[in-house]
C-alpha atoms as a PDB file:
ATOM      1  CA  UNK A   1      49.762 -81.747  90.970  1.00  0.00           C
ATOM      2  CA  UNK A   2      51.574 -79.268  93.127  1.00  0.00           C
ATOM      3  CA  UNK A   3      50.263 -78.256  96.501  1.00  0.00           C
ATOM      4  CA  UNK A   4      49.813 -74.557  96.909  1.00  0.00           C
ATOM      5  CA  UNK A   5      48.968 -72.546  99.952  1.00  0.00           C
ATOM      6  CA  UNK A   6      48.356 -68.830  99.973  1.00  0.00           C
ATOM      7  CA  UNK A   7      48.206 -66.728 103.094  1.00  0.00           C
ATOM      8  CA  UNK A   8      45.260 -64.346 103.622  1.00  0.00           C
ATOM      9  CA  UNK A   9      43.880 -62.378 106.391  1.00  0.00           C
ATOM     10  CA  UNK A  10      40.670 -63.666 108.370  1.00  0.00           C
ATOM     11  CA  UNK A  11      39.313 -59.982 108.242  1.00  0.00           C
ATOM     12  CA  UNK A  12      40.221 -56.601 107.438  1.00  0.00           C
ATOM     13  CA  UNK A  13      38.258 -53.378 107.628  1.00  0.00           C
ATOM     14  CA  UNK A  14      35.893 -52.569 104.963  1.00  0.00           C
ATOM     15  CA  UNK A  15      38.380 -49.788 103.363  1.00  0.00           C
ATOM     16  CA  UNK A  16      40.857 -52.674 102.659  1.00  0.00           C
ATOM     17  CA  UNK A  17      38.416 -55.390 101.544  1.00  0.00           C
ATOM     18  CA  UNK A  18      38.840 -56.105  97.972  1.00  0.00           C
ATOM     19  CA  UNK A  19      42.418 -54.544  97.804  1.00  0.00           C
ATOM     20  CA  UNK A  20      44.670 -56.858 100.117  1.00  0.00           C
ATOM     21  CA  UNK A  21      47.482 -57.864  97.901  1.00  0.00           C
ATOM     22  CA  UNK A  22      46.875 -61.670  98.124  1.00  0.00           C
ATOM     23  CA  UNK A  23      43.811 -61.184  96.002  1.00  0.00           C
ATOM     24  CA  UNK A  24      46.599 -60.770  93.094  1.00  0.00           C
ATOM     25  CA  UNK A  25      47.860 -64.091  93.694  1.00  0.00           C
ATOM     26  CA  UNK A  26      44.343 -65.741  94.131  1.00  0.00           C
ATOM     27  CA  UNK A  27      43.419 -64.053  90.586  1.00  0.00           C
ATOM     28  CA  UNK A  28      46.600 -65.325  88.858  1.00  0.00           C
ATOM     29  CA  UNK A  29      46.088 -68.982  90.085  1.00  0.00           C
ATOM     30  CA  UNK A  30      42.516 -68.661  88.856  1.00  0.00           C
ATOM     31  CA  UNK A  31      43.506 -67.377  85.373  1.00  0.00           C
ATOM     32  CA  UNK A  32      46.235 -70.292  85.239  1.00  0.00           C
ATOM     33  CA  UNK A  33      43.799 -72.736  86.489  1.00  0.00           C
ATOM     34  CA  UNK A  34      45.745 -73.981  89.532  1.00  0.00           C
ATOM     35  CA  UNK A  35      44.006 -74.989  92.500  1.00  0.00           C
ATOM     36  CA  UNK A  36      45.239 -73.686  95.954  1.00  0.00           C
ATOM     37  CA  UNK A  37      44.396 -73.593  99.672  1.00  0.00           C
ATOM     38  CA  UNK A  38      44.039 -70.790 101.761  1.00  0.00           C
ATOM     39  CA  UNK A  39      46.028 -70.086 105.268  1.00  0.00           C
ATOM     40  CA  UNK A  40      43.977 -67.583 107.066  1.00  0.00           C
ATOM     41  CA  UNK A  41      45.885 -65.710 109.638  1.00  0.00           C
ATOM     42  CA  UNK A  42      45.190 -62.625 112.098  1.00  0.00           C
ATOM     43  CA  UNK A  43      47.188 -59.961 113.766  1.00  0.00           C
ATOM     44  CA  UNK A  44      48.248 -62.501 116.527  1.00  0.00           C
ATOM     45  CA  UNK A  45      49.892 -64.681 113.769  1.00  0.00           C
ATOM     46  CA  UNK A  46      51.748 -62.040 112.054  1.00  0.00           C
ATOM     47  CA  UNK A  47      54.736 -61.530 114.635  1.00  0.00           C
ATOM     48  CA  UNK A  48      54.926 -65.302 115.375  1.00  0.00           C
ATOM     49  CA  UNK A  49      58.273 -66.764 114.533  1.00  0.00           C
ATOM     50  CA  UNK A  50      56.367 -69.582 112.255  1.00  0.00           C
ATOM     51  CA  UNK A  51      54.666 -67.197 110.167  1.00  0.00           C
ATOM     52  CA  UNK A  52      57.995 -64.957 109.874  1.00  0.00           C
ATOM     53  CA  UNK A  53      59.669 -68.008 108.385  1.00  0.00           C
ATOM     54  CA  UNK A  54      57.276 -67.591 105.554  1.00  0.00           C
ATOM     55  CA  UNK A  55      56.955 -64.068 105.326  1.00  0.00           C
ATOM     56  CA  UNK A  56      59.736 -62.182 107.115  1.00  0.00           C
ATOM     57  CA  UNK A  57      57.960 -58.707 107.122  1.00  0.00           C
ATOM     58  CA  UNK A  58      54.769 -60.602 108.490  1.00  0.00           C
ATOM     59  CA  UNK A  59      52.386 -59.470 105.773  1.00  0.00           C
ATOM     60  CA  UNK A  60      50.357 -61.189 103.249  1.00  0.00           C
ATOM     61  CA  UNK A  61      50.637 -63.141 101.127  1.00  0.00           C
ATOM     62  CA  UNK A  62      52.943 -65.904 101.800  1.00  0.00           C
ATOM     63  CA  UNK A  63      53.097 -68.705  99.100  1.00  0.00           C
ATOM     64  CA  UNK A  64      54.117 -72.337  99.646  1.00  0.00           C
ATOM     65  CA  UNK A  65      54.287 -74.593  97.015  1.00  0.00           C
ATOM     66  CA  UNK A  66      56.322 -78.272  97.193  1.00  0.00           C
ATOM     67  CA  UNK A  67      58.754 -76.898  99.577  1.00  0.00           C
ATOM     68  CA  UNK A  68      59.124 -73.482  97.739  1.00  0.00           C
ATOM     69  CA  UNK A  69      58.317 -70.418  99.859  1.00  0.00           C
ATOM     70  CA  UNK A  70      57.811 -66.858  98.274  1.00  0.00           C
ATOM     71  CA  UNK A  71      56.470 -63.610  99.435  1.00  0.00           C
ATOM     72  CA  UNK A  72      55.774 -60.304  97.678  1.00  0.00           C
ATOM     73  CA  UNK A  73      52.542 -60.552  95.444  1.00  0.00           C
ATOM     74  CA  UNK A  74      54.414 -59.354  92.458  1.00  0.00           C
ATOM     75  CA  UNK A  75      56.978 -61.900  92.689  1.00  0.00           C
ATOM     76  CA  UNK A  76      54.494 -64.661  93.127  1.00  0.00           C
ATOM     77  CA  UNK A  77      52.339 -63.425  90.279  1.00  0.00           C
ATOM     78  CA  UNK A  78      55.562 -63.513  87.989  1.00  0.00           C
ATOM     79  CA  UNK A  79      56.240 -67.288  89.225  1.00  0.00           C
ATOM     80  CA  UNK A  80      52.777 -68.342  88.292  1.00  0.00           C
ATOM     81  CA  UNK A  81      52.773 -66.284  85.064  1.00  0.00           C
ATOM     82  CA  UNK A  82      56.007 -67.831  83.998  1.00  0.00           C
ATOM     83  CA  UNK A  83      54.366 -71.289  83.627  1.00  0.00           C
ATOM     84  CA  UNK A  84      51.201 -70.138  82.398  1.00  0.00           C
ATOM     85  CA  UNK A  85      50.459 -69.054  78.923  1.00  0.00           C
ATOM     86  CA  UNK A  86      47.178 -67.472  79.993  1.00  0.00           C
ATOM     87  CA  UNK A  87      49.172 -65.047  81.730  1.00  0.00           C
ATOM     88  CA  UNK A  88      52.369 -64.768  79.991  1.00  0.00           C
ATOM     89  CA  UNK A  89      52.892 -65.418  76.114  1.00  0.00           C
ATOM     90  CA  UNK A  90      55.431 -67.862  74.954  1.00  0.00           C
ATOM     91  CA  UNK A  91      57.235 -65.878  72.421  1.00  0.00           C
ATOM     92  CA  UNK A  92      60.217 -64.209  73.937  1.00  0.00           C
ATOM     93  CA  UNK A  93      59.728 -60.575  73.153  1.00  0.00           C
ATOM     94  CA  UNK A  94      56.053 -60.638  74.147  1.00  0.00           C
ATOM     95  CA  UNK A  95      57.142 -62.380  77.354  1.00  0.00           C
ATOM     96  CA  UNK A  96      59.489 -59.625  78.072  1.00  0.00           C
ATOM     97  CA  UNK A  97      56.990 -56.905  77.488  1.00  0.00           C
ATOM     98  CA  UNK A  98      54.667 -58.444  79.583  1.00  0.00           C
ATOM     99  CA  UNK A  99      57.257 -58.504  82.377  1.00  0.00           C
ATOM    100  CA  UNK A 100      57.870 -54.796  81.461  1.00  0.00           C
ATOM    101  CA  UNK A 101      54.222 -54.051  82.184  1.00  0.00           C
ATOM    102  CA  UNK A 102      54.070 -56.010  85.492  1.00  0.00           C
ATOM    103  CA  UNK A 103      57.124 -54.133  86.768  1.00  0.00           C
ATOM    104  CA  UNK A 104      55.410 -50.597  85.588  1.00  0.00           C
ATOM    105  CA  UNK A 105      52.299 -51.410  87.473  1.00  0.00           C
ATOM    106  CA  UNK A 106      53.995 -52.047  90.734  1.00  0.00           C
ATOM    107  CA  UNK A 107      56.490 -49.226  90.499  1.00  0.00           C
ATOM    108  CA  UNK A 108      55.530 -46.307  88.104  1.00  0.00           C
ATOM    109  CA  UNK A 109      51.944 -46.637  88.699  1.00  0.00           C
ATOM    110  CA  UNK A 110      51.420 -48.271  92.311  1.00  0.00           C
ATOM    111  CA  UNK A 111      54.164 -45.927  93.957  1.00  0.00           C
ATOM    112  CA  UNK A 112      51.948 -42.450  93.509  1.00  0.00           C
ATOM    113  CA  UNK A 113      48.712 -44.141  93.762  1.00  0.00           C
ATOM    114  CA  UNK A 114      49.465 -45.844  97.212  1.00  0.00           C
ATOM    115  CA  UNK A 115      50.841 -42.452  98.420  1.00  0.00           C
ATOM    116  CA  UNK A 116      47.394 -41.065  97.739  1.00  0.00           C
ATOM    117  CA  UNK A 117      45.627 -43.964  99.394  1.00  0.00           C
ATOM    118  CA  UNK A 118      47.801 -43.462 102.501  1.00  0.00           C
ATOM    119  CA  UNK A 119      47.301 -39.877 102.680  1.00  0.00           C
ATOM    120  CA  UNK A 120      43.369 -40.004 102.384  1.00  0.00           C
ATOM    121  CA  UNK A 121      42.802 -43.498 104.355  1.00  0.00           C
ATOM    122  CA  UNK A 122      45.391 -43.286 106.842  1.00  0.00           C
ATOM    123  CA  UNK A 123      46.079 -39.513 107.569  1.00  0.00           C
ATOM    124  CA  UNK A 124      42.772 -37.860 106.666  1.00  0.00           C
ATOM    125  CA  UNK A 125      42.060 -34.671 108.636  1.00  0.00           C
ATOM    126  CA  UNK A 126      45.576 -34.147 109.684  1.00  0.00           C
ATOM    127  CA  UNK A 127      47.072 -30.547 109.162  1.00  0.00           C
ATOM    128  CA  UNK A 128      49.682 -31.469 106.959  1.00  0.00           C
ATOM    129  CA  UNK A 129      47.554 -33.407 104.523  1.00  0.00           C
ATOM    130  CA  UNK A 130      45.854 -30.327 103.384  1.00  0.00           C
ATOM    131  CA  UNK A 131      49.143 -28.841 101.867  1.00  0.00           C
ATOM    132  CA  UNK A 132      50.407 -32.373 100.685  1.00  0.00           C
ATOM    133  CA  UNK A 133      47.549 -33.772  99.114  1.00  0.00           C
ATOM    134  CA  UNK A 134      46.950 -31.599  95.903  1.00  0.00           C
ATOM    135  CA  UNK A 135      50.503 -32.423  95.010  1.00  0.00           C
ATOM    136  CA  UNK A 136      49.936 -36.224  95.556  1.00  0.00           C
ATOM    137  CA  UNK A 137      46.797 -35.984  93.229  1.00  0.00           C
ATOM    138  CA  UNK A 138      48.459 -34.256  90.455  1.00  0.00           C
ATOM    139  CA  UNK A 139      51.262 -36.995  90.522  1.00  0.00           C
ATOM    140  CA  UNK A 140      48.674 -39.544  90.226  1.00  0.00           C
ATOM    141  CA  UNK A 141      46.792 -37.629  87.749  1.00  0.00           C
ATOM    142  CA  UNK A 142      49.840 -37.179  85.416  1.00  0.00           C
ATOM    143  CA  UNK A 143      50.615 -41.185  85.463  1.00  0.00           C
ATOM    144  CA  UNK A 144      46.981 -41.762  84.674  1.00  0.00           C
ATOM    145  CA  UNK A 145      47.146 -39.506  81.771  1.00  0.00           C
ATOM    146  CA  UNK A 146      50.264 -41.044  80.551  1.00  0.00           C
ATOM    147  CA  UNK A 147      48.871 -44.610  80.904  1.00  0.00           C
ATOM    148  CA  UNK A 148      45.721 -43.633  79.183  1.00  0.00           C
ATOM    149  CA  UNK A 149      47.515 -42.553  76.052  1.00  0.00           C
ATOM    150  CA  UNK A 150      49.057 -46.069  75.967  1.00  0.00           C
ATOM    151  CA  UNK A 151      45.708 -47.485  76.392  1.00  0.00           C
ATOM    152  CA  UNK A 152      44.161 -45.341  73.485  1.00  0.00           C
ATOM    153  CA  UNK A 153      42.573 -47.817  70.977  1.00  0.00           C
ATOM    154  CA  UNK A 154      43.592 -50.848  72.803  1.00  0.00           C
ATOM    155  CA  UNK A 155      41.673 -53.287  74.939  1.00  0.00           C
ATOM    156  CA  UNK A 156      44.726 -54.377  76.956  1.00  0.00           C
ATOM    157  CA  UNK A 157      48.518 -53.314  77.720  1.00  0.00           C
ATOM    158  CA  UNK A 158      49.528 -55.857  74.873  1.00  0.00           C
ATOM    159  CA  UNK A 159      47.619 -57.805  72.290  1.00  0.00           C
ATOM    160  CA  UNK A 160      45.573 -59.879  74.793  1.00  0.00           C
ATOM    161  CA  UNK A 161      45.246 -60.055  78.557  1.00  0.00           C
ATOM    162  CA  UNK A 162      48.468 -60.884  80.487  1.00  0.00           C
ATOM    163  CA  UNK A 163      49.900 -60.648  84.044  1.00  0.00           C
ATOM    164  CA  UNK A 164      50.603 -56.997  83.363  1.00  0.00           C
ATOM    165  CA  UNK A 165      46.930 -56.322  82.949  1.00  0.00           C
ATOM    166  CA  UNK A 166      46.256 -58.271  86.212  1.00  0.00           C
ATOM    167  CA  UNK A 167      48.634 -56.432  88.240  1.00  0.00           C
ATOM    168  CA  UNK A 168      47.627 -52.956  86.581  1.00  0.00           C
ATOM    169  CA  UNK A 169      44.166 -53.597  87.149  1.00  0.00           C
ATOM    170  CA  UNK A 170      44.784 -54.219  90.988  1.00  0.00           C
ATOM    171  CA  UNK A 171      46.725 -51.195  91.270  1.00  0.00           C
ATOM    172  CA  UNK A 172      43.975 -49.061  89.532  1.00  0.00           C
ATOM    173  CA  UNK A 173      41.543 -50.275  91.872  1.00  0.00           C
ATOM    174  CA  UNK A 174      43.263 -48.743  94.702  1.00  0.00           C
ATOM    175  CA  UNK A 175      41.799 -45.517  93.426  1.00  0.00           C
ATOM    176  CA  UNK A 176      38.229 -46.517  94.107  1.00  0.00           C
ATOM    177  CA  UNK A 177      37.807 -44.297  97.054  1.00  0.00           C
ATOM    178  CA  UNK A 178      38.258 -41.144  94.523  1.00  0.00           C
ATOM    179  CA  UNK A 179      36.850 -40.015  91.296  1.00  0.00           C
ATOM    180  CA  UNK A 180      40.202 -39.905  89.475  1.00  0.00           C
ATOM    181  CA  UNK A 181      39.888 -42.980  87.270  1.00  0.00           C
ATOM    182  CA  UNK A 182      36.382 -41.503  86.125  1.00  0.00           C
ATOM    183  CA  UNK A 183      38.382 -38.503  84.583  1.00  0.00           C
ATOM    184  CA  UNK A 184      40.195 -41.256  82.257  1.00  0.00           C
ATOM    185  CA  UNK A 185      37.255 -43.013  80.443  1.00  0.00           C
ATOM    186  CA  UNK A 186      39.758 -45.420  78.593  1.00  0.00           C
ATOM    187  CA  UNK A 187      41.139 -46.450  82.184  1.00  0.00           C
ATOM    188  CA  UNK A 188      37.856 -46.947  83.574  1.00  0.00           C
ATOM    189  CA  UNK A 189      36.641 -48.850  80.650  1.00  0.00           C
ATOM    190  CA  UNK A 190      39.957 -50.865  80.801  1.00  0.00           C
ATOM    191  CA  UNK A 191      39.559 -51.723  84.622  1.00  0.00           C
ATOM    192  CA  UNK A 192      36.042 -52.893  84.091  1.00  0.00           C
ATOM    193  CA  UNK A 193      36.958 -54.985  81.150  1.00  0.00           C
ATOM    194  CA  UNK A 194      39.502 -57.096  83.385  1.00  0.00           C
ATOM    195  CA  UNK A 195      37.142 -57.035  86.080  1.00  0.00           C
ATOM    196  CA  UNK A 196      34.518 -58.804  84.122  1.00  0.00           C
ATOM    197  CA  UNK A 197      36.783 -61.765  83.704  1.00  0.00           C
ATOM    198  CA  UNK A 198      35.530 -64.983  85.075  1.00  0.00           C
ATOM    199  CA  UNK A 199      38.725 -65.549  87.001  1.00  0.00           C
ATOM    200  CA  UNK A 200      38.520 -62.034  88.571  1.00  0.00           C
ATOM    201  CA  UNK A 201      35.088 -62.849  90.025  1.00  0.00           C
ATOM    202  CA  UNK A 202      35.910 -66.034  91.332  1.00  0.00           C
ATOM    203  CA  UNK A 203      39.106 -64.712  93.173  1.00  0.00           C
ATOM    204  CA  UNK A 204      37.137 -61.792  94.306  1.00  0.00           C
ATOM    205  CA  UNK A 205      34.297 -63.981  95.839  1.00  0.00           C
ATOM    206  CA  UNK A 206      37.016 -66.304  97.673  1.00  0.00           C
ATOM    207  CA  UNK A 207      38.913 -63.033  98.726  1.00  0.00           C
ATOM    208  CA  UNK A 208      35.616 -61.661 100.376  1.00  0.00           C
ATOM    209  CA  UNK A 209      34.408 -64.911 101.675  1.00  0.00           C
ATOM    210  CA  UNK A 210      36.466 -64.946 105.008  1.00  0.00           C
ATOM    211  CA  UNK A 211      35.683 -61.417 105.766  1.00  0.00           C
ATOM    212  CA  UNK A 212      32.097 -62.220 105.886  1.00  0.00           C
ATOM    213  CA  UNK A 213      32.489 -65.066 108.103  1.00  0.00           C
ATOM    214  CA  UNK A 214      34.644 -63.368 110.549  1.00  0.00           C
ATOM    215  CA  UNK A 215      33.342 -59.964 110.780  1.00  0.00           C
ATOM    216  CA  UNK A 216      33.307 -58.670 114.288  1.00  0.00           C
ATOM    217  CA  UNK A 217      29.898 -58.100 116.051  1.00  0.00           C
ATOM    218  CA  UNK A 218      28.319 -55.032 115.284  1.00  0.00           C
ATOM    219  CA  UNK A 219      27.880 -52.733 118.225  1.00  0.00           C
END
């Protein structure tokens, strides 16, 4: 059995808990039934030479497996999915469609959604946001509407749950500070369906546990 280690933060502020991208890798490993170890890091580790050898940008996750070192959550999830039928079908055309949805989640959907999150969570109250935010919201709403049409009458993006759904769910969750997803009941139900999976629940519990252990003292 390969020895897998995944880096994660010891603690992040509440607005980021449940959204840090290392969670995607935890969830994929749980769906694939692959055990792993976590490597908890903090701000002091991110600029270190030893960590930059694993993750050149100092972010999480870094992924280590028998001499293989990877970074970027989407690439890592793809690596896991390619050897797990639970995440990616065997049939070539179905595999290609799954990869297409993975890239759609991380490019077509996540880009505008992350733009909104940055406006709301990192620049709230700044004067330029008042003019920029309505346009950003409409860009997100447009993409949600298009995805909602794809999901009409379907439980998952393909015939069953795949790595495409895993990544898409983590992207849609970034909108949790807004009411936008509630405007599209088919997408909200889809998100809840994916979040009800046992592997999601186990990965989320493991993702959240270090934050509880390492929370700063309340003032």
